[in-house]
PDB file of all heavy atoms in Angstrom:
ATOM      1  N   VAL A   1      64.534 -31.320 -63.279  1.00  0.00           N
ATOM      2  CA  VAL A   1      63.292 -31.215 -64.159  1.00  0.00           C
ATOM      3  C   VAL A   1      63.241 -32.396 -65.098  1.00  0.00           C
ATOM      4  O   VAL A   1      64.329 -33.000 -65.337  1.00  0.00           O
ATOM      5  CB  VAL A   1      63.228 -29.916 -64.878  1.00  0.00           C
ATOM      6  CG1 VAL A   1      63.234 -28.693 -63.961  1.00  0.00           C
ATOM      7  CG2 VAL A   1      64.395 -29.740 -65.873  1.00  0.00           C
ATOM      8  N   SER A   2      62.083 -32.757 -65.585  1.00  0.00           N
ATOM      9  CA  SER A   2      61.933 -33.850 -66.599  1.00  0.00           C
ATOM     10  C   SER A   2      61.415 -33.263 -67.868  1.00  0.00           C
ATOM     11  O   SER A   2      60.518 -32.399 -67.856  1.00  0.00           O
ATOM     12  CB  SER A   2      61.009 -34.923 -66.125  1.00  0.00           C
ATOM     13  OG  SER A   2      61.568 -35.565 -64.991  1.00  0.00           O
ATOM     14  N   TRP A   3      61.984 -33.737 -68.964  1.00  0.00           N
ATOM     15  CA  TRP A   3      61.498 -33.342 -70.310  1.00  0.00           C
ATOM     16  C   TRP A   3      61.600 -34.575 -71.207  1.00  0.00           C
ATOM     17  O   TRP A   3      62.605 -35.246 -71.326  1.00  0.00           O
ATOM     18  CB  TRP A   3      62.484 -32.282 -70.882  1.00  0.00           C
ATOM     19  CG  TRP A   3      62.133 -31.845 -72.245  1.00  0.00           C
ATOM     20  CD1 TRP A   3      61.092 -31.018 -72.662  1.00  0.00           C
ATOM     21  CD2 TRP A   3      62.732 -32.268 -73.531  1.00  0.00           C
ATOM     22  NE1 TRP A   3      61.093 -30.790 -73.994  1.00  0.00           N
ATOM     23  CE2 TRP A   3      62.121 -31.591 -74.587  1.00  0.00           C
ATOM     24  CE3 TRP A   3      63.876 -33.118 -73.769  1.00  0.00           C
ATOM     25  CZ2 TRP A   3      62.479 -31.764 -75.886  1.00  0.00           C
ATOM     26  CZ3 TRP A   3      64.179 -33.228 -75.101  1.00  0.00           C
ATOM     27  CH2 TRP A   3      63.533 -32.570 -76.158  1.00  0.00           C
ATOM     28  N   ARG A   4      60.437 -35.003 -71.723  1.00  0.00           N
ATOM     29  CA  ARG A   4      60.335 -36.204 -72.587  1.00  0.00           C
ATOM     30  C   ARG A   4      60.964 -37.406 -71.976  1.00  0.00           C
ATOM     31  O   ARG A   4      61.690 -38.142 -72.590  1.00  0.00           O
ATOM     32  CB  ARG A   4      60.913 -35.920 -73.971  1.00  0.00           C
ATOM     33  CG  ARG A   4      60.159 -34.913 -74.725  1.00  0.00           C
ATOM     34  CD  ARG A   4      60.508 -34.853 -76.158  1.00  0.00           C
ATOM     35  NE  ARG A   4      59.674 -33.932 -76.856  1.00  0.00           N
ATOM     36  CZ  ARG A   4      59.758 -33.739 -78.146  1.00  0.00           C
ATOM     37  NH1 ARG A   4      60.567 -34.328 -78.890  1.00  0.00           N
ATOM     38  NH2 ARG A   4      58.833 -32.889 -78.747  1.00  0.00           N
ATOM     39  N   GLY A   5      60.657 -37.632 -70.710  1.00  0.00           N
ATOM     40  CA  GLY A   5      61.094 -38.819 -69.975  1.00  0.00           C
ATOM     41  C   GLY A   5      62.564 -38.796 -69.508  1.00  0.00           C
ATOM     42  O   GLY A   5      62.975 -39.808 -68.890  1.00  0.00           O
ATOM     43  N   GLN A   6      63.237 -37.729 -69.672  1.00  0.00           N
ATOM     44  CA  GLN A   6      64.626 -37.598 -69.215  1.00  0.00           C
ATOM     45  C   GLN A   6      64.755 -36.574 -68.109  1.00  0.00           C
ATOM     46  O   GLN A   6      64.088 -35.535 -68.198  1.00  0.00           O
ATOM     47  CB  GLN A   6      65.584 -37.225 -70.407  1.00  0.00           C
ATOM     48  CG  GLN A   6      65.509 -38.121 -71.564  1.00  0.00           C
ATOM     49  CD  GLN A   6      66.079 -39.527 -71.222  1.00  0.00           C
ATOM     50  OE1 GLN A   6      66.914 -39.699 -70.414  1.00  0.00           O
ATOM     51  NE2 GLN A   6      65.453 -40.544 -71.882  1.00  0.00           N
ATOM     52  N   GLN A   7      65.596 -36.773 -67.158  1.00  0.00           N
ATOM     53  CA  GLN A   7      65.838 -35.820 -66.059  1.00  0.00           C
ATOM     54  C   GLN A   7      67.046 -34.936 -66.360  1.00  0.00           C
ATOM     55  O   GLN A   7      68.096 -35.469 -66.821  1.00  0.00           O
ATOM     56  CB  GLN A   7      66.027 -36.557 -64.726  1.00  0.00           C
ATOM     57  CG  GLN A   7      64.788 -37.136 -64.221  1.00  0.00           C
ATOM     58  CD  GLN A   7      64.824 -37.528 -62.717  1.00  0.00           C
ATOM     59  OE1 GLN A   7      65.952 -37.789 -62.241  1.00  0.00           O
ATOM     60  NE2 GLN A   7      63.721 -37.579 -62.086  1.00  0.00           N
ATOM     61  N   PHE A   8      66.918 -33.674 -66.056  1.00  0.00           N
ATOM     62  CA  PHE A   8      68.008 -32.687 -66.255  1.00  0.00           C
ATOM     63  C   PHE A   8      68.179 -32.061 -64.903  1.00  0.00           C
ATOM     64  O   PHE A   8      67.249 -31.647 -64.209  1.00  0.00           O
ATOM     65  CB  PHE A   8      67.562 -31.658 -67.342  1.00  0.00           C
ATOM     66  CG  PHE A   8      67.505 -32.213 -68.690  1.00  0.00           C
ATOM     67  CD1 PHE A   8      66.343 -32.987 -69.060  1.00  0.00           C
ATOM     68  CD2 PHE A   8      68.506 -32.113 -69.622  1.00  0.00           C
ATOM     69  CE1 PHE A   8      66.259 -33.513 -70.342  1.00  0.00           C
ATOM     70  CE2 PHE A   8      68.441 -32.620 -70.865  1.00  0.00           C
ATOM     71  CZ  PHE A   8      67.282 -33.322 -71.261  1.00  0.00           C
ATOM     72  N   VAL A   9      69.525 -31.825 -64.549  1.00  0.00           N
ATOM     73  CA  VAL A   9      69.908 -31.286 -63.268  1.00  0.00           C
ATOM     74  C   VAL A   9      70.393 -29.854 -63.472  1.00  0.00           C
ATOM     75  O   VAL A   9      71.107 -29.548 -64.430  1.00  0.00           O
ATOM     76  CB  VAL A   9      71.012 -32.103 -62.649  1.00  0.00           C
ATOM     77  CG1 VAL A   9      71.471 -31.611 -61.326  1.00  0.00           C
ATOM     78  CG2 VAL A   9      70.525 -33.566 -62.504  1.00  0.00           C
ATOM     79  N   ARG A  10      69.991 -28.990 -62.532  1.00  0.00           N
ATOM     80  CA  ARG A  10      70.488 -27.628 -62.527  1.00  0.00           C
ATOM     81  C   ARG A  10      71.930 -27.498 -62.306  1.00  0.00           C
ATOM     82  O   ARG A  10      72.554 -28.173 -61.396  1.00  0.00           O
ATOM     83  CB  ARG A  10      69.693 -26.796 -61.422  1.00  0.00           C
ATOM     84  CG  ARG A  10      70.070 -25.323 -61.504  1.00  0.00           C
ATOM     85  CD  ARG A  10      69.422 -24.539 -60.398  1.00  0.00           C
ATOM     86  NE  ARG A  10      69.988 -24.983 -59.118  1.00  0.00           N
ATOM     87  CZ  ARG A  10      69.200 -25.163 -58.037  1.00  0.00           C
ATOM     88  NH1 ARG A  10      67.946 -24.967 -57.996  1.00  0.00           N
ATOM     89  NH2 ARG A  10      69.835 -25.631 -56.950  1.00  0.00           N
ATOM     90  N   ARG A  11      72.622 -26.729 -63.080  1.00  0.00           N
ATOM     91  CA  ARG A  11      74.030 -26.419 -62.946  1.00  0.00           C
ATOM     92  C   ARG A  11      74.276 -24.886 -62.962  1.00  0.00           C
ATOM     93  O   ARG A  11      73.455 -24.216 -63.497  1.00  0.00           O
ATOM     94  CB  ARG A  11      74.855 -26.982 -64.128  1.00  0.00           C
ATOM     95  CG  ARG A  11      74.480 -28.446 -64.436  1.00  0.00           C
ATOM     96  CD  ARG A  11      75.349 -29.387 -63.652  1.00  0.00           C
ATOM     97  NE  ARG A  11      75.052 -30.707 -64.162  1.00  0.00           N
ATOM     98  CZ  ARG A  11      75.056 -31.757 -63.391  1.00  0.00           C
ATOM     99  NH1 ARG A  11      75.265 -31.673 -62.092  1.00  0.00           N
ATOM    100  NH2 ARG A  11      74.795 -32.977 -63.857  1.00  0.00           N
ATOM    101  N   SER A  12      75.345 -24.447 -62.351  1.00  0.00           N
ATOM    102  CA  SER A  12      75.677 -23.083 -62.443  1.00  0.00           C
ATOM    103  C   SER A  12      77.188 -22.976 -62.235  1.00  0.00           C
ATOM    104  O   SER A  12      77.705 -23.534 -61.248  1.00  0.00           O
ATOM    105  CB  SER A  12      74.908 -22.295 -61.319  1.00  0.00           C
ATOM    106  OG  SER A  12      75.161 -20.889 -61.463  1.00  0.00           O
ATOM    107  N   PRO A  13      77.931 -22.255 -63.032  1.00  0.00           N
ATOM    108  CA  PRO A  13      79.378 -22.226 -62.841  1.00  0.00           C
ATOM    109  C   PRO A  13      79.818 -21.302 -61.740  1.00  0.00           C
ATOM    110  O   PRO A  13      79.158 -20.305 -61.474  1.00  0.00           O
ATOM    111  CB  PRO A  13      79.943 -21.642 -64.282  1.00  0.00           C
ATOM    112  CG  PRO A  13      78.745 -20.724 -64.658  1.00  0.00           C
ATOM    113  CD  PRO A  13      77.499 -21.450 -64.190  1.00  0.00           C
ATOM    114  N   SER A  14      80.905 -21.570 -61.135  1.00  0.00           N
ATOM    115  CA  SER A  14      81.546 -20.713 -60.123  1.00  0.00           C
ATOM    116  C   SER A  14      83.009 -20.491 -60.722  1.00  0.00           C
ATOM    117  O   SER A  14      83.928 -20.861 -59.997  1.00  0.00           O
ATOM    118  CB  SER A  14      81.468 -21.211 -58.759  1.00  0.00           C
ATOM    119  OG  SER A  14      82.144 -22.501 -58.737  1.00  0.00           O
ATOM    120  N   ASN A  15      83.076 -19.914 -61.921  1.00  0.00           N
ATOM    121  CA  ASN A  15      84.337 -19.697 -62.535  1.00  0.00           C
ATOM    122  C   ASN A  15      84.310 -18.426 -63.323  1.00  0.00           C
ATOM    123  O   ASN A  15      83.436 -17.568 -63.139  1.00  0.00           O
ATOM    124  CB  ASN A  15      84.752 -20.912 -63.405  1.00  0.00           C
ATOM    125  CG  ASN A  15      83.621 -21.179 -64.469  1.00  0.00           C
ATOM    126  OD1 ASN A  15      82.974 -20.287 -64.916  1.00  0.00           O
ATOM    127  ND2 ASN A  15      83.487 -22.456 -64.814  1.00  0.00           N
ATOM    128  N   LYS A  16      85.303 -18.263 -64.113  1.00  0.00           N
ATOM    129  CA  LYS A  16      85.537 -17.004 -64.911  1.00  0.00           C
ATOM    130  C   LYS A  16      84.494 -16.791 -66.089  1.00  0.00           C
ATOM    131  O   LYS A  16      84.452 -15.790 -66.700  1.00  0.00           O
ATOM    132  CB  LYS A  16      86.945 -16.899 -65.503  1.00  0.00           C
ATOM    133  CG  LYS A  16      87.196 -18.038 -66.507  1.00  0.00           C
ATOM    134  CD  LYS A  16      88.539 -17.955 -67.060  1.00  0.00           C
ATOM    135  CE  LYS A  16      88.827 -19.083 -68.107  1.00  0.00           C
ATOM    136  NZ  LYS A  16      90.108 -19.095 -68.577  1.00  0.00           N
ATOM    137  N   PHE A  17      83.690 -17.825 -66.385  1.00  0.00           N
ATOM    138  CA  PHE A  17      82.776 -17.725 -67.564  1.00  0.00           C
ATOM    139  C   PHE A  17      81.539 -16.874 -67.353  1.00  0.00           C
ATOM    140  O   PHE A  17      80.716 -16.783 -68.256  1.00  0.00           O
ATOM    141  CB  PHE A  17      82.472 -19.151 -68.001  1.00  0.00           C
ATOM    142  CG  PHE A  17      83.702 -19.852 -68.555  1.00  0.00           C
ATOM    143  CD1 PHE A  17      84.219 -20.928 -67.808  1.00  0.00           C
ATOM    144  CD2 PHE A  17      84.332 -19.412 -69.680  1.00  0.00           C
ATOM    145  CE1 PHE A  17      85.338 -21.588 -68.299  1.00  0.00           C
ATOM    146  CE2 PHE A  17      85.496 -20.071 -70.132  1.00  0.00           C
ATOM    147  CZ  PHE A  17      85.972 -21.150 -69.400  1.00  0.00           C
ATOM    148  N   GLY A  18      81.345 -16.359 -66.146  1.00  0.00           N
ATOM    149  CA  GLY A  18      80.161 -15.478 -65.971  1.00  0.00           C
ATOM    150  C   GLY A  18      78.993 -16.165 -65.352  1.00  0.00           C
ATOM    151  O   GLY A  18      79.002 -17.306 -64.959  1.00  0.00           O
ATOM    152  N   GLU A  19      77.880 -15.380 -65.231  1.00  0.00           N
ATOM    153  CA  GLU A  19      76.628 -15.868 -64.617  1.00  0.00           C
ATOM    154  C   GLU A  19      75.824 -16.689 -65.543  1.00  0.00           C
ATOM    155  O   GLU A  19      75.568 -16.214 -66.693  1.00  0.00           O
ATOM    156  CB  GLU A  19      75.871 -14.663 -64.073  1.00  0.00           C
ATOM    157  CG  GLU A  19      76.680 -13.744 -63.119  1.00  0.00           C
ATOM    158  CD  GLU A  19      77.540 -12.756 -63.899  1.00  0.00           C
ATOM    159  OE1 GLU A  19      77.251 -12.525 -65.105  1.00  0.00           O
ATOM    160  OE2 GLU A  19      78.425 -12.254 -63.349  1.00  0.00           O
ATOM    161  N   ALA A  20      75.376 -17.736 -65.061  1.00  0.00           N
ATOM    162  CA  ALA A  20      74.481 -18.630 -65.879  1.00  0.00           C
ATOM    163  C   ALA A  20      73.929 -19.717 -65.035  1.00  0.00           C
ATOM    164  O   ALA A  20      74.483 -20.229 -64.015  1.00  0.00           O
ATOM    165  CB  ALA A  20      75.186 -19.255 -67.126  1.00  0.00           C
ATOM    166  N   ILE A  21      72.773 -20.197 -65.413  1.00  0.00           N
ATOM    167  CA  ILE A  21      72.107 -21.403 -64.826  1.00  0.00           C
ATOM    168  C   ILE A  21      71.630 -22.248 -65.984  1.00  0.00           C
ATOM    169  O   ILE A  21      71.093 -21.671 -66.984  1.00  0.00           O
ATOM    170  CB  ILE A  21      70.894 -21.026 -63.983  1.00  0.00           C
ATOM    171  CG1 ILE A  21      71.336 -20.130 -62.799  1.00  0.00           C
ATOM    172  CG2 ILE A  21      70.138 -22.311 -63.475  1.00  0.00           C
ATOM    173  CD1 ILE A  21      70.124 -19.566 -62.044  1.00  0.00           C
ATOM    174  N   TRP A  22      71.967 -23.496 -65.975  1.00  0.00           N
ATOM    175  CA  TRP A  22      71.507 -24.372 -67.052  1.00  0.00           C
ATOM    176  C   TRP A  22      71.077 -25.738 -66.500  1.00  0.00           C
ATOM    177  O   TRP A  22      71.410 -26.128 -65.398  1.00  0.00           O
ATOM    178  CB  TRP A  22      72.534 -24.560 -68.203  1.00  0.00           C
ATOM    179  CG  TRP A  22      73.782 -25.279 -67.791  1.00  0.00           C
ATOM    180  CD1 TRP A  22      74.024 -26.615 -67.846  1.00  0.00           C
ATOM    181  CD2 TRP A  22      74.962 -24.710 -67.293  1.00  0.00           C
ATOM    182  NE1 TRP A  22      75.270 -26.936 -67.384  1.00  0.00           N
ATOM    183  CE2 TRP A  22      75.880 -25.708 -67.069  1.00  0.00           C
ATOM    184  CE3 TRP A  22      75.376 -23.386 -67.026  1.00  0.00           C
ATOM    185  CZ2 TRP A  22      77.166 -25.509 -66.553  1.00  0.00           C
ATOM    186  CZ3 TRP A  22      76.700 -23.194 -66.583  1.00  0.00           C
ATOM    187  CH2 TRP A  22      77.521 -24.251 -66.319  1.00  0.00           C
ATOM    188  N   TYR A  23      70.326 -26.471 -67.291  1.00  0.00           N
ATOM    189  CA  TYR A  23      69.856 -27.793 -66.980  1.00  0.00           C
ATOM    190  C   TYR A  23      70.432 -28.750 -68.045  1.00  0.00           C
ATOM    191  O   TYR A  23      70.276 -28.573 -69.233  1.00  0.00           O
ATOM    192  CB  TYR A  23      68.353 -27.857 -66.928  1.00  0.00           C
ATOM    193  CG  TYR A  23      67.793 -27.081 -65.800  1.00  0.00           C
ATOM    194  CD1 TYR A  23      67.726 -25.722 -65.797  1.00  0.00           C
ATOM    195  CD2 TYR A  23      67.423 -27.708 -64.645  1.00  0.00           C
ATOM    196  CE1 TYR A  23      67.250 -24.943 -64.797  1.00  0.00           C
ATOM    197  CE2 TYR A  23      66.997 -26.977 -63.569  1.00  0.00           C
ATOM    198  CZ  TYR A  23      66.917 -25.612 -63.616  1.00  0.00           C
ATOM    199  OH  TYR A  23      66.428 -24.875 -62.542  1.00  0.00           O
ATOM    200  N   SER A  24      71.157 -29.750 -67.545  1.00  0.00           N
ATOM    201  CA  SER A  24      71.839 -30.688 -68.449  1.00  0.00           C
ATOM    202  C   SER A  24      71.707 -32.082 -67.867  1.00  0.00           C
ATOM    203  O   SER A  24      71.368 -32.382 -66.756  1.00  0.00           O
ATOM    204  CB  SER A  24      73.258 -30.299 -68.682  1.00  0.00           C
ATOM    205  OG  SER A  24      74.040 -30.419 -67.442  1.00  0.00           O
ATOM    206  N   ARG A  25      72.101 -33.072 -68.774  1.00  0.00           N
ATOM    207  CA  ARG A  25      72.161 -34.463 -68.368  1.00  0.00           C
ATOM    208  C   ARG A  25      73.292 -35.125 -69.176  1.00  0.00           C
ATOM    209  O   ARG A  25      73.629 -34.717 -70.307  1.00  0.00           O
ATOM    210  CB  ARG A  25      70.821 -35.193 -68.585  1.00  0.00           C
ATOM    211  CG  ARG A  25      70.529 -35.431 -70.068  1.00  0.00           C
ATOM    212  CD  ARG A  25      69.193 -36.137 -70.235  1.00  0.00           C
ATOM    213  NE  ARG A  25      69.055 -36.572 -71.599  1.00  0.00           N
ATOM    214  CZ  ARG A  25      69.355 -37.854 -72.081  1.00  0.00           C
ATOM    215  NH1 ARG A  25      69.724 -38.725 -71.238  1.00  0.00           N
ATOM    216  NH2 ARG A  25      69.196 -38.151 -73.294  1.00  0.00           N
ATOM    217  N   SER A  26      73.903 -36.106 -68.566  1.00  0.00           N
ATOM    218  CA  SER A  26      74.881 -36.924 -69.264  1.00  0.00           C
ATOM    219  C   SER A  26      74.324 -37.796 -70.305  1.00  0.00           C
ATOM    220  O   SER A  26      73.255 -38.416 -70.075  1.00  0.00           O
ATOM    221  CB  SER A  26      75.621 -37.769 -68.184  1.00  0.00           C
ATOM    222  OG  SER A  26      76.577 -38.566 -68.897  1.00  0.00           O
ATOM    223  N   ILE A  27      74.941 -37.814 -71.421  1.00  0.00           N
ATOM    224  CA  ILE A  27      74.483 -38.723 -72.503  1.00  0.00           C
ATOM    225  C   ILE A  27      75.512 -39.766 -72.941  1.00  0.00           C
ATOM    226  O   ILE A  27      75.537 -40.330 -74.016  1.00  0.00           O
ATOM    227  CB  ILE A  27      74.030 -37.912 -73.792  1.00  0.00           C
ATOM    228  CG1 ILE A  27      75.145 -36.958 -74.242  1.00  0.00           C
ATOM    229  CG2 ILE A  27      72.763 -37.085 -73.458  1.00  0.00           C
ATOM    230  CD1 ILE A  27      74.855 -36.341 -75.573  1.00  0.00           C
ATOM    231  N   GLY A  28      76.472 -40.044 -71.988  1.00  0.00           N
ATOM    232  CA  GLY A  28      77.520 -40.985 -72.322  1.00  0.00           C
ATOM    233  C   GLY A  28      78.893 -40.429 -72.319  1.00  0.00           C
ATOM    234  O   GLY A  28      79.111 -39.314 -71.886  1.00  0.00           O
ATOM    235  N   LYS A  29      79.754 -41.136 -72.828  1.00  0.00           N
ATOM    236  CA  LYS A  29      81.165 -40.762 -72.947  1.00  0.00           C
ATOM    237  C   LYS A  29      81.543 -40.593 -74.457  1.00  0.00           C
ATOM    238  O   LYS A  29      81.075 -41.288 -75.305  1.00  0.00           O
ATOM    239  CB  LYS A  29      82.108 -41.777 -72.273  1.00  0.00           C
ATOM    240  CG  LYS A  29      81.745 -41.861 -70.777  1.00  0.00           C
ATOM    241  CD  LYS A  29      82.913 -42.537 -70.003  1.00  0.00           C
ATOM    242  CE  LYS A  29      82.561 -42.689 -68.554  1.00  0.00           C
ATOM    243  NZ  LYS A  29      82.804 -41.481 -67.817  1.00  0.00           N
ATOM    244  N   ASP A  30      82.589 -39.670 -74.654  1.00  0.00           N
ATOM    245  CA  ASP A  30      83.055 -39.510 -75.977  1.00  0.00           C
ATOM    246  C   ASP A  30      84.185 -40.498 -76.292  1.00  0.00           C
ATOM    247  O   ASP A  30      84.470 -41.335 -75.383  1.00  0.00           O
ATOM    248  CB  ASP A  30      83.475 -38.111 -76.233  1.00  0.00           C
ATOM    249  CG  ASP A  30      84.630 -37.607 -75.413  1.00  0.00           C
ATOM    250  OD1 ASP A  30      85.402 -38.501 -74.786  1.00  0.00           O
ATOM    251  OD2 ASP A  30      84.894 -36.434 -75.323  1.00  0.00           O
ATOM    252  N   GLU A  31      84.885 -40.420 -77.409  1.00  0.00           N
ATOM    253  CA  GLU A  31      85.895 -41.318 -77.784  1.00  0.00           C
ATOM    254  C   GLU A  31      87.095 -41.257 -76.858  1.00  0.00           C
ATOM    255  O   GLU A  31      87.888 -42.176 -76.779  1.00  0.00           O
ATOM    256  CB  GLU A  31      86.375 -41.098 -79.190  1.00  0.00           C
ATOM    257  CG  GLU A  31      86.879 -39.729 -79.558  1.00  0.00           C
ATOM    258  CD  GLU A  31      85.795 -38.699 -79.854  1.00  0.00           C
ATOM    259  OE1 GLU A  31      84.673 -39.090 -79.919  1.00  0.00           O
ATOM    260  OE2 GLU A  31      86.114 -37.527 -79.976  1.00  0.00           O
ATOM    261  N   ASN A  32      87.310 -40.160 -76.130  1.00  0.00           N
ATOM    262  CA  ASN A  32      88.372 -40.020 -75.160  1.00  0.00           C
ATOM    263  C   ASN A  32      87.983 -40.383 -73.738  1.00  0.00           C
ATOM    264  O   ASN A  32      88.783 -40.206 -72.784  1.00  0.00           O
ATOM    265  CB  ASN A  32      88.939 -38.587 -75.150  1.00  0.00           C
ATOM    266  CG  ASN A  32      89.423 -38.161 -76.497  1.00  0.00           C
ATOM    267  OD1 ASN A  32      90.057 -38.936 -77.269  1.00  0.00           O
ATOM    268  ND2 ASN A  32      89.209 -36.872 -76.841  1.00  0.00           N
ATOM    269  N   GLY A  33      86.796 -40.908 -73.595  1.00  0.00           N
ATOM    270  CA  GLY A  33      86.356 -41.312 -72.243  1.00  0.00           C
ATOM    271  C   GLY A  33      85.768 -40.182 -71.399  1.00  0.00           C
ATOM    272  O   GLY A  33      85.504 -40.326 -70.218  1.00  0.00           O
ATOM    273  N   GLU A  34      85.599 -38.964 -71.996  1.00  0.00           N
ATOM    274  CA  GLU A  34      85.121 -37.792 -71.283  1.00  0.00           C
ATOM    275  C   GLU A  34      83.620 -37.839 -71.338  1.00  0.00           C
ATOM    276  O   GLU A  34      83.002 -38.215 -72.314  1.00  0.00           O
ATOM    277  CB  GLU A  34      85.610 -36.497 -71.966  1.00  0.00           C
ATOM    278  CG  GLU A  34      87.146 -36.375 -71.922  1.00  0.00           C
ATOM    279  CD  GLU A  34      87.678 -36.162 -70.510  1.00  0.00           C
ATOM    280  OE1 GLU A  34      86.976 -35.402 -69.772  1.00  0.00           O
ATOM    281  OE2 GLU A  34      88.730 -36.656 -70.236  1.00  0.00           O
ATOM    282  N   ASN A  35      82.990 -37.371 -70.202  1.00  0.00           N
ATOM    283  CA  ASN A  35      81.502 -37.345 -70.209  1.00  0.00           C
ATOM    284  C   ASN A  35      81.006 -36.323 -71.169  1.00  0.00           C
ATOM    285  O   ASN A  35      81.543 -35.260 -71.394  1.00  0.00           O
ATOM    286  CB  ASN A  35      81.018 -36.938 -68.834  1.00  0.00           C
ATOM    287  CG  ASN A  35      81.122 -38.067 -67.767  1.00  0.00           C
ATOM    288  OD1 ASN A  35      81.179 -39.214 -68.147  1.00  0.00           O
ATOM    289  ND2 ASN A  35      81.342 -37.718 -66.507  1.00  0.00           N
ATOM    290  N   ARG A  36      79.936 -36.687 -71.912  1.00  0.00           N
ATOM    291  CA  ARG A  36      79.209 -35.785 -72.780  1.00  0.00           C
ATOM    292  C   ARG A  36      77.849 -35.411 -72.168  1.00  0.00           C
ATOM    293  O   ARG A  36      77.231 -36.247 -71.592  1.00  0.00           O
ATOM    294  CB  ARG A  36      79.015 -36.481 -74.138  1.00  0.00           C
ATOM    295  CG  ARG A  36      80.302 -36.784 -74.895  1.00  0.00           C
ATOM    296  CD  ARG A  36      80.084 -37.472 -76.218  1.00  0.00           C
ATOM    297  NE  ARG A  36      79.065 -36.787 -76.992  1.00  0.00           N
ATOM    298  CZ  ARG A  36      78.035 -37.432 -77.617  1.00  0.00           C
ATOM    299  NH1 ARG A  36      77.922 -38.763 -77.527  1.00  0.00           N
ATOM    300  NH2 ARG A  36      77.185 -36.807 -78.385  1.00  0.00           N
ATOM    301  N   TYR A  37      77.496 -34.156 -72.409  1.00  0.00           N
ATOM    302  CA  TYR A  37      76.244 -33.670 -71.855  1.00  0.00           C
ATOM    303  C   TYR A  37      75.412 -33.018 -72.938  1.00  0.00           C
ATOM    304  O   TYR A  37      75.908 -32.542 -73.963  1.00  0.00           O
ATOM    305  CB  TYR A  37      76.518 -32.605 -70.735  1.00  0.00           C
ATOM    306  CG  TYR A  37      77.241 -33.193 -69.564  1.00  0.00           C
ATOM    307  CD1 TYR A  37      78.657 -33.203 -69.517  1.00  0.00           C
ATOM    308  CD2 TYR A  37      76.525 -33.704 -68.509  1.00  0.00           C
ATOM    309  CE1 TYR A  37      79.312 -33.760 -68.390  1.00  0.00           C
ATOM    310  CE2 TYR A  37      77.138 -34.247 -67.420  1.00  0.00           C
ATOM    311  CZ  TYR A  37      78.551 -34.248 -67.341  1.00  0.00           C
ATOM    312  OH  TYR A  37      79.152 -34.790 -66.305  1.00  0.00           O
ATOM    313  N   GLU A  38      74.126 -33.005 -72.700  1.00  0.00           N
ATOM    314  CA  GLU A  38      73.237 -32.171 -73.524  1.00  0.00           C
ATOM    315  C   GLU A  38      72.477 -31.229 -72.614  1.00  0.00           C
ATOM    316  O   GLU A  38      72.248 -31.567 -71.457  1.00  0.00           O
ATOM    317  CB  GLU A  38      72.285 -33.008 -74.356  1.00  0.00           C
ATOM    318  CG  GLU A  38      71.221 -33.767 -73.596  1.00  0.00           C
ATOM    319  CD  GLU A  38      70.171 -34.441 -74.493  1.00  0.00           C
ATOM    320  OE1 GLU A  38      70.301 -34.320 -75.764  1.00  0.00           O
ATOM    321  OE2 GLU A  38      69.380 -35.215 -73.954  1.00  0.00           O
ATOM    322  N   ARG A  39      72.200 -30.058 -73.160  1.00  0.00           N
ATOM    323  CA  ARG A  39      71.492 -29.054 -72.310  1.00  0.00           C
ATOM    324  C   ARG A  39      70.027 -28.904 -72.803  1.00  0.00           C
ATOM    325  O   ARG A  39      69.709 -28.943 -73.983  1.00  0.00           O
ATOM    326  CB  ARG A  39      72.153 -27.669 -72.512  1.00  0.00           C
ATOM    327  CG  ARG A  39      73.435 -27.515 -71.752  1.00  0.00           C
ATOM    328  CD  ARG A  39      73.914 -26.116 -71.757  1.00  0.00           C
ATOM    329  NE  ARG A  39      75.271 -26.054 -71.086  1.00  0.00           N
ATOM    330  CZ  ARG A  39      75.797 -24.912 -70.759  1.00  0.00           C
ATOM    331  NH1 ARG A  39      75.233 -23.779 -70.949  1.00  0.00           N
ATOM    332  NH2 ARG A  39      77.005 -24.957 -70.265  1.00  0.00           N
ATOM    333  N   LEU A  40      69.202 -28.753 -71.801  1.00  0.00           N
ATOM    334  CA  LEU A  40      67.800 -28.516 -72.069  1.00  0.00           C
ATOM    335  C   LEU A  40      67.579 -27.026 -72.230  1.00  0.00           C
ATOM    336  O   LEU A  40      66.932 -26.584 -73.206  1.00  0.00           O
ATOM    337  CB  LEU A  40      66.941 -29.045 -70.910  1.00  0.00           C
ATOM    338  CG  LEU A  40      65.477 -28.713 -70.995  1.00  0.00           C
ATOM    339  CD1 LEU A  40      64.822 -29.394 -72.174  1.00  0.00           C
ATOM    340  CD2 LEU A  40      64.789 -29.223 -69.680  1.00  0.00           C
ATOM    341  N   ILE A  41      68.068 -26.204 -71.287  1.00  0.00           N
ATOM    342  CA  ILE A  41      67.860 -24.824 -71.337  1.00  0.00           C
ATOM    343  C   ILE A  41      68.929 -24.089 -70.547  1.00  0.00           C
ATOM    344  O   ILE A  41      69.508 -24.648 -69.582  1.00  0.00           O
ATOM    345  CB  ILE A  41      66.466 -24.391 -70.791  1.00  0.00           C
ATOM    346  CG1 ILE A  41      66.157 -22.865 -71.015  1.00  0.00           C
ATOM    347  CG2 ILE A  41      66.344 -24.788 -69.306  1.00  0.00           C
ATOM    348  CD1 ILE A  41      64.734 -22.523 -70.768  1.00  0.00           C
ATOM    349  N   THR A  42      69.361 -22.911 -71.000  1.00  0.00           N
ATOM    350  CA  THR A  42      70.354 -22.122 -70.331  1.00  0.00           C
ATOM    351  C   THR A  42      69.770 -20.739 -70.100  1.00  0.00           C
ATOM    352  O   THR A  42      69.163 -20.056 -71.004  1.00  0.00           O
ATOM    353  CB  THR A  42      71.655 -21.902 -71.212  1.00  0.00           C
ATOM    354  OG1 THR A  42      72.179 -23.202 -71.554  1.00  0.00           O
ATOM    355  CG2 THR A  42      72.656 -21.068 -70.540  1.00  0.00           C
ATOM    356  N   PHE A  43      69.896 -20.260 -68.861  1.00  0.00           N
ATOM    357  CA  PHE A  43      69.507 -18.917 -68.487  1.00  0.00           C
ATOM    358  C   PHE A  43      70.853 -18.125 -68.322  1.00  0.00           C
ATOM    359  O   PHE A  43      71.687 -18.473 -67.523  1.00  0.00           O
ATOM    360  CB  PHE A  43      68.720 -18.921 -67.181  1.00  0.00           C
ATOM    361  CG  PHE A  43      67.469 -19.656 -67.255  1.00  0.00           C
ATOM    362  CD1 PHE A  43      67.375 -21.000 -66.975  1.00  0.00           C
ATOM    363  CD2 PHE A  43      66.279 -19.005 -67.628  1.00  0.00           C
ATOM    364  CE1 PHE A  43      66.185 -21.690 -67.052  1.00  0.00           C
ATOM    365  CE2 PHE A  43      65.090 -19.690 -67.719  1.00  0.00           C
ATOM    366  CZ  PHE A  43      65.029 -21.035 -67.441  1.00  0.00           C
TER     367      PHE A  43
END
């Protein structure tokens, strides 16, 4: 999906954290070199 010119991709965990669907996008890396994400919406 697109919101304000940015694309967000659907994600869904397959782990112990339960049922959820969210849309996120990478916004760069943190000081440790790990990817940072922002979420548009979580169901």
